Protein backbone atom coordinates (compact mmCIF):
# COMPACT_ATOMS: atom_id res chain seq x y z
CA MET A 1 -33.96 -16.68 4.37
CA PHE A 2 -30.60 -18.25 3.55
CA ARG A 3 -28.18 -19.85 5.99
CA ILE A 4 -24.50 -20.08 5.14
CA GLU A 5 -21.94 -22.03 7.17
CA ASN A 6 -18.24 -21.23 6.99
CA ILE A 7 -15.52 -23.76 7.88
CA TYR A 8 -12.42 -22.05 9.25
CA LYS A 9 -9.15 -23.92 9.87
CA ASN A 10 -10.03 -27.10 11.82
CA HIS A 11 -13.19 -25.92 13.50
CA MET A 12 -16.62 -24.86 12.41
CA VAL A 13 -17.49 -21.19 12.60
CA TYR A 14 -21.15 -20.48 12.15
CA ALA A 15 -21.93 -17.28 10.31
CA ILE A 16 -25.41 -16.66 9.00
CA GLY A 17 -26.41 -14.16 6.36
CA LEU A 18 -30.10 -13.43 5.92
CA SER A 19 -31.68 -12.05 2.80
CA GLU A 20 -34.78 -9.91 2.78
CA LYS A 21 -38.03 -11.86 2.62
CA GLN A 22 -38.68 -13.17 -0.86
CA PHE A 23 -42.16 -14.16 -2.03
CA ASN A 24 -41.40 -14.96 -5.65
CA ILE A 25 -39.45 -17.98 -6.88
CA ASN A 26 -37.80 -15.72 -9.46
CA LYS A 27 -36.20 -13.83 -6.56
CA ILE A 28 -34.32 -16.85 -5.20
CA ARG A 29 -31.00 -15.85 -6.80
CA GLU A 30 -31.41 -12.25 -5.65
CA GLY A 31 -32.08 -13.47 -2.12
CA TYR A 32 -29.07 -15.77 -2.23
CA LEU A 33 -26.78 -12.88 -3.29
CA GLN A 34 -28.22 -10.72 -0.50
CA ALA A 35 -27.45 -13.44 2.05
CA ILE A 36 -23.90 -13.79 0.74
CA GLU A 37 -23.42 -10.02 0.97
CA ALA A 38 -24.72 -9.93 4.55
CA LEU A 39 -22.47 -12.86 5.44
CA LYS A 40 -19.37 -10.85 4.53
CA TYR A 41 -20.09 -8.35 7.28
CA THR A 42 -19.82 -10.97 10.02
CA PHE A 43 -16.08 -10.61 9.35
CA LEU A 44 -16.27 -7.06 10.74
CA TYR A 45 -18.68 -7.68 13.60
CA ASN A 46 -16.90 -10.35 15.61
CA ASN A 47 -19.74 -10.78 18.11
CA HIS A 48 -22.45 -11.03 15.47
CA HIS A 49 -22.69 -14.40 13.76
CA LEU A 50 -26.01 -13.52 12.18
CA LEU A 51 -26.58 -10.45 10.03
CA SER A 52 -29.46 -9.53 7.78
CA PHE A 53 -29.13 -7.83 4.43
CA SER A 54 -31.54 -5.11 5.58
CA SER A 55 -29.08 -4.13 8.34
CA ILE A 56 -26.17 -3.52 5.95
CA LYS A 57 -27.73 -2.58 2.62
CA ASP A 58 -27.55 1.16 3.34
CA LYS A 59 -23.81 1.23 4.07
CA LEU A 60 -22.10 4.17 2.37
CA LYS A 61 -20.73 3.36 -1.07
CA ASN A 62 -19.13 6.74 -1.77
CA TYR A 63 -15.67 6.80 -0.26
CA GLU A 64 -12.04 7.64 -0.95
CA LEU A 65 -9.45 4.99 -0.20
CA PRO A 66 -6.53 6.17 2.01
CA ILE A 67 -3.99 5.52 -0.75
CA ASP A 68 -1.68 8.34 0.34
CA LYS A 69 -1.36 6.87 3.86
CA ILE A 70 -0.72 3.39 2.48
CA LYS A 71 2.03 4.77 0.24
CA LYS A 72 3.57 6.53 3.23
CA ILE A 73 3.85 3.18 4.99
CA SER A 74 5.46 1.69 1.90
CA ASN A 75 8.02 4.49 1.77
CA MET A 76 8.91 3.91 5.45
CA ILE A 77 9.68 0.19 5.04
CA GLY A 78 13.32 -0.32 5.98
CA THR A 79 13.55 2.66 8.33
CA ASP A 80 13.60 3.16 12.10
CA ARG A 81 10.11 4.67 12.04
CA GLU A 82 8.29 1.59 13.33
CA ASN A 83 6.05 3.53 15.72
CA GLU A 84 5.01 5.87 12.93
CA ILE A 85 4.30 2.91 10.66
CA ARG A 86 2.06 1.36 13.34
CA GLY A 87 0.27 4.68 13.89
CA ILE A 88 -0.54 5.21 10.21
CA LEU A 89 -1.65 1.59 9.83
CA LYS A 90 -4.12 2.07 12.70
CA GLU A 91 -5.54 5.07 10.84
CA VAL A 92 -5.84 3.07 7.61
CA LEU A 93 -7.49 0.10 9.36
CA ASP A 94 -9.67 2.07 11.76
CA ILE A 95 -12.63 -0.23 12.40
CA LYS A 96 -14.94 2.67 13.30
CA GLU A 97 -14.25 4.26 9.93
CA ILE A 98 -14.38 0.99 8.00
CA THR A 99 -17.81 -0.01 9.37
CA LYS A 100 -19.35 3.19 8.02
CA TYR A 101 -18.87 1.95 4.50
CA ASP A 102 -19.74 -0.90 2.20
CA ILE A 103 -17.47 -3.95 2.60
CA SER A 104 -15.86 -3.03 -0.72
CA TYR A 105 -14.09 -0.20 1.14
CA LEU A 106 -12.10 -2.70 3.24
CA GLU A 107 -11.55 -4.91 0.21
CA GLY A 108 -10.16 -1.88 -1.63
CA ILE A 109 -7.84 -1.07 1.27
CA ASN A 110 -6.60 -4.65 1.30
CA LYS A 111 -5.94 -4.51 -2.45
CA ALA A 112 -4.01 -1.25 -2.07
CA ILE A 113 -1.95 -2.62 0.85
CA ASN A 114 -0.99 -5.61 -1.27
CA GLU A 115 -0.19 -3.47 -4.29
CA PHE A 116 1.78 -0.68 -2.64
CA ILE A 117 3.34 -2.43 0.37
CA PHE A 118 3.61 -6.18 -0.01
CA SER A 119 4.07 -6.41 -3.80
CA SER A 120 6.65 -3.65 -3.56
CA ALA A 121 8.43 -5.48 -0.73
CA ILE A 122 8.51 -8.73 -2.70
CA LYS A 123 10.39 -6.96 -5.49
CA LYS A 124 13.01 -5.71 -3.01
CA LEU A 125 13.62 -8.95 -1.11
CA ASP A 126 15.34 -12.10 -2.28
CA GLY A 127 13.81 -15.59 -2.21
CA ASP A 128 15.51 -16.70 1.01
CA THR A 129 14.21 -13.68 2.88
CA LEU A 130 10.68 -14.10 1.53
CA ASN A 131 10.64 -17.71 2.75
CA LYS A 132 11.20 -16.37 6.26
CA VAL A 133 8.29 -13.94 6.02
CA ARG A 134 5.29 -16.05 6.89
CA GLY A 135 1.85 -15.05 5.64
CA ILE A 136 2.92 -13.06 2.57
CA ASN A 137 0.66 -15.17 0.31
CA LYS A 138 -2.27 -15.46 2.70
CA ILE A 139 -2.64 -11.72 3.19
CA GLY A 140 -4.08 -11.20 -0.30
CA ASP A 141 -7.65 -12.04 0.75
CA ILE A 142 -9.23 -10.68 3.93
CA PHE A 143 -11.49 -13.72 4.12
CA ASN A 144 -8.49 -15.96 4.69
CA TYR A 145 -8.90 -14.73 8.28
CA GLU A 146 -11.66 -15.49 10.76
CA ASN A 147 -12.38 -11.85 11.60
CA PHE A 148 -11.12 -8.29 11.22
CA ILE A 149 -9.06 -8.33 14.43
CA GLU A 150 -7.09 -11.35 13.25
CA TYR A 151 -6.62 -9.74 9.83
CA PHE A 152 -5.40 -6.46 11.34
CA HIS A 153 -2.80 -8.17 13.52
CA ALA A 154 -1.61 -10.27 10.56
CA VAL A 155 -1.11 -7.16 8.42
CA GLU A 156 0.64 -5.31 11.23
CA GLU A 157 2.93 -8.24 12.05
CA LEU A 158 3.84 -8.77 8.39
CA ILE A 159 4.61 -5.10 7.77
CA ILE A 160 6.85 -4.89 10.84
CA CYS A 161 8.55 -8.13 9.84
CA LEU A 162 9.23 -6.78 6.35
CA ASN A 163 10.49 -3.55 7.87
CA ASP A 164 12.96 -5.44 10.08
CA TYR A 165 14.23 -7.68 7.27
CA THR A 166 14.63 -4.74 4.90
CA LYS A 167 16.62 -2.83 7.53
CA GLN A 168 18.88 -5.84 7.99
CA ILE A 169 19.55 -6.12 4.28
CA MET A 170 20.24 -2.41 3.94
CA SER A 171 22.59 -2.45 6.94
CA ILE A 172 24.75 -5.11 5.29
CA TYR A 173 25.58 -2.67 2.53
CA ALA A 174 25.65 0.46 4.68
CA ASP A 175 29.43 0.76 4.49
CA ASN A 176 29.63 0.35 0.73
CA PRO A 177 31.60 3.45 -0.38
CA GLU A 178 30.67 3.12 -4.08
CA MET A 179 26.98 3.00 -3.27
CA LYS A 180 27.31 5.96 -0.91
CA ARG A 181 28.91 7.96 -3.71
CA ALA A 182 26.22 6.82 -6.15
CA VAL A 183 23.39 7.87 -3.82
CA GLN A 184 25.05 11.20 -3.13
CA TYR A 185 25.47 11.78 -6.87
CA ILE A 186 21.77 11.08 -7.46
CA HIS A 187 20.73 13.47 -4.69
CA GLU A 188 22.93 16.19 -6.19
CA ASN A 189 21.88 15.61 -9.81
CA PHE A 190 18.29 14.28 -9.68
CA ASN A 191 17.10 17.35 -11.62
CA ARG A 192 19.31 16.44 -14.57
CA ASP A 193 18.71 13.83 -17.27
CA ILE A 194 20.61 11.05 -15.52
CA ASN A 195 20.42 7.28 -15.92
CA MET A 196 21.94 4.19 -14.36
CA ALA A 197 24.73 3.90 -16.95
CA MET A 198 25.85 7.43 -16.13
CA VAL A 199 25.91 6.78 -12.39
CA SER A 200 27.60 3.37 -12.66
CA ASN A 201 30.34 5.00 -14.78
CA TYR A 202 30.68 7.76 -12.20
CA VAL A 203 31.49 5.25 -9.44
CA SER A 204 33.52 3.04 -11.83
CA LEU A 205 31.42 -0.11 -11.45
CA ASN A 206 30.23 -2.65 -14.00
CA TYR A 207 26.67 -1.84 -15.12
CA SER A 208 25.19 -5.24 -14.18
CA TYR A 209 26.97 -5.40 -10.84
CA PHE A 210 25.96 -1.83 -10.06
CA SER A 211 22.30 -2.63 -10.80
CA GLN A 212 22.24 -5.51 -8.34
CA ALA A 213 24.34 -3.77 -5.66
CA PHE A 214 22.27 -0.59 -5.88
CA LYS A 215 19.02 -2.46 -5.28
CA GLU A 216 20.51 -4.34 -2.34
CA TYR A 217 21.88 -1.11 -0.88
CA THR A 218 18.81 1.12 -1.27
CA GLY A 219 15.97 -1.40 -1.44
CA TYR A 220 14.92 0.08 -4.79
CA ASN A 221 15.92 -0.38 -8.39
CA PHE A 222 17.58 2.68 -9.95
CA VAL A 223 14.50 4.00 -11.76
CA ASP A 224 12.22 3.73 -8.73
CA TYR A 225 14.81 5.33 -6.45
CA LEU A 226 15.25 8.27 -8.81
CA LYS A 227 11.46 8.69 -8.96
CA LYS A 228 11.28 8.58 -5.17
CA ILE A 229 13.92 11.32 -4.75
CA ARG A 230 12.37 13.52 -7.42
CA ILE A 231 8.84 13.27 -6.05
CA GLU A 232 9.98 13.87 -2.46
CA LYS A 233 11.69 17.06 -3.64
CA ALA A 234 8.65 18.00 -5.72
CA LYS A 235 6.44 17.77 -2.63
CA GLU A 236 8.73 20.23 -0.86
CA LEU A 237 8.66 22.62 -3.82
CA LEU A 238 4.86 22.42 -4.12
CA GLU A 239 4.66 24.07 -0.71
CA ASN A 240 6.04 27.21 -2.36
CA PHE A 241 2.99 28.60 -4.16
CA ASP A 242 5.18 30.94 -6.23
CA TYR A 243 6.08 27.97 -8.44
CA LYS A 244 3.67 26.76 -11.08
CA ILE A 245 3.07 23.02 -11.28
CA TYR A 246 4.99 22.61 -14.53
CA GLU A 247 7.88 24.63 -13.09
CA VAL A 248 8.11 22.25 -10.13
CA GLY A 249 8.22 19.35 -12.59
CA GLU A 250 11.08 20.93 -14.51
CA MET A 251 12.97 21.68 -11.29
CA VAL A 252 12.99 18.00 -10.34
CA GLY A 253 13.96 16.70 -13.77
CA TYR A 254 10.71 16.34 -15.72
CA LYS A 255 10.66 18.42 -18.88
CA ASN A 256 7.30 16.90 -19.80
CA SER A 257 4.56 18.10 -17.42
CA LYS A 258 2.32 15.12 -18.27
CA GLN A 259 5.10 12.69 -17.33
CA PHE A 260 5.62 14.59 -14.09
CA ALA A 261 1.91 14.39 -13.23
CA LYS A 262 1.78 10.69 -14.15
CA THR A 263 4.82 9.84 -12.01
CA PHE A 264 3.58 11.94 -9.09
CA ARG A 265 0.21 10.16 -9.12
CA GLU A 266 1.95 6.79 -9.40
CA MET A 267 4.04 7.53 -6.30
CA GLU A 268 1.54 9.46 -4.17
CA GLY A 269 -1.87 8.33 -5.36
CA ILE A 270 -2.93 11.89 -6.25
CA SER A 271 -1.90 14.48 -8.83
CA PRO A 272 0.43 17.43 -8.07
CA ILE A 273 -2.56 19.78 -8.28
CA GLU A 274 -4.55 17.69 -5.80
CA TYR A 275 -1.54 17.58 -3.49
CA ARG A 276 -1.21 21.37 -3.58
CA ASN A 277 -4.95 21.81 -3.02
CA ARG A 278 -4.65 19.70 0.15
CA LEU A 279 -1.88 22.02 1.34
CA ILE A 280 -4.22 24.95 0.82
CA MET A 281 -6.96 23.22 2.83
CA ARG A 282 -4.73 22.72 5.88
């Protein structure tokens, strides 16, 4: 039996992880690792400060992370869809679903949230804004929080905060006529071989200035914004089963089907074929 004590903030929080009974001195390390593993689960079970390895060792280890839902939240940052963001986040961090699985499931969700939401947001926001967003560094590790409830509320609060700040930044540039023309041009020509130099010339702006202004206006750099528009259109076209996958790719500007599949997976977490198969399963 191994007892672990965890110090949280300025007070002592007792959490005990118990290994299975060990009768061989050579099993001490194995028992210690079992106790550590059991200890992690006290994070999920707020009213249980003592958990045994035998009670959690059979947790399901085969799972699929909700990457598509996490990416949806990321795509909504900076919009007026706050209620929808909250709703999807509750689905992603559903405690009933999470406790079915090994703790690595929640750790994987946390990693994906940081990769697709917070890391993405950091790239869009300037230093002054990031200084106002408290908790952006702490959120990287679930065990920086005393329990799951505290972690959930921290994630929710931070996402809504980022959403509000991003909306504010975008609203500052909402009346920029050059950027409006640039965005309209991209929406009308996304299926062509276009680049930032072409669009900046179209609106008669210096390349460097256009790059900075475009990111401030849309919240994305040019390449990521073009990808976003193309993949959103591709998802619409994939609902028409008369089009082959490679044809959809060509229709949104990807002459190379492998590049289309790679970009689609990068943006949505699944391949175009998997996306279409999910449509079939509806």
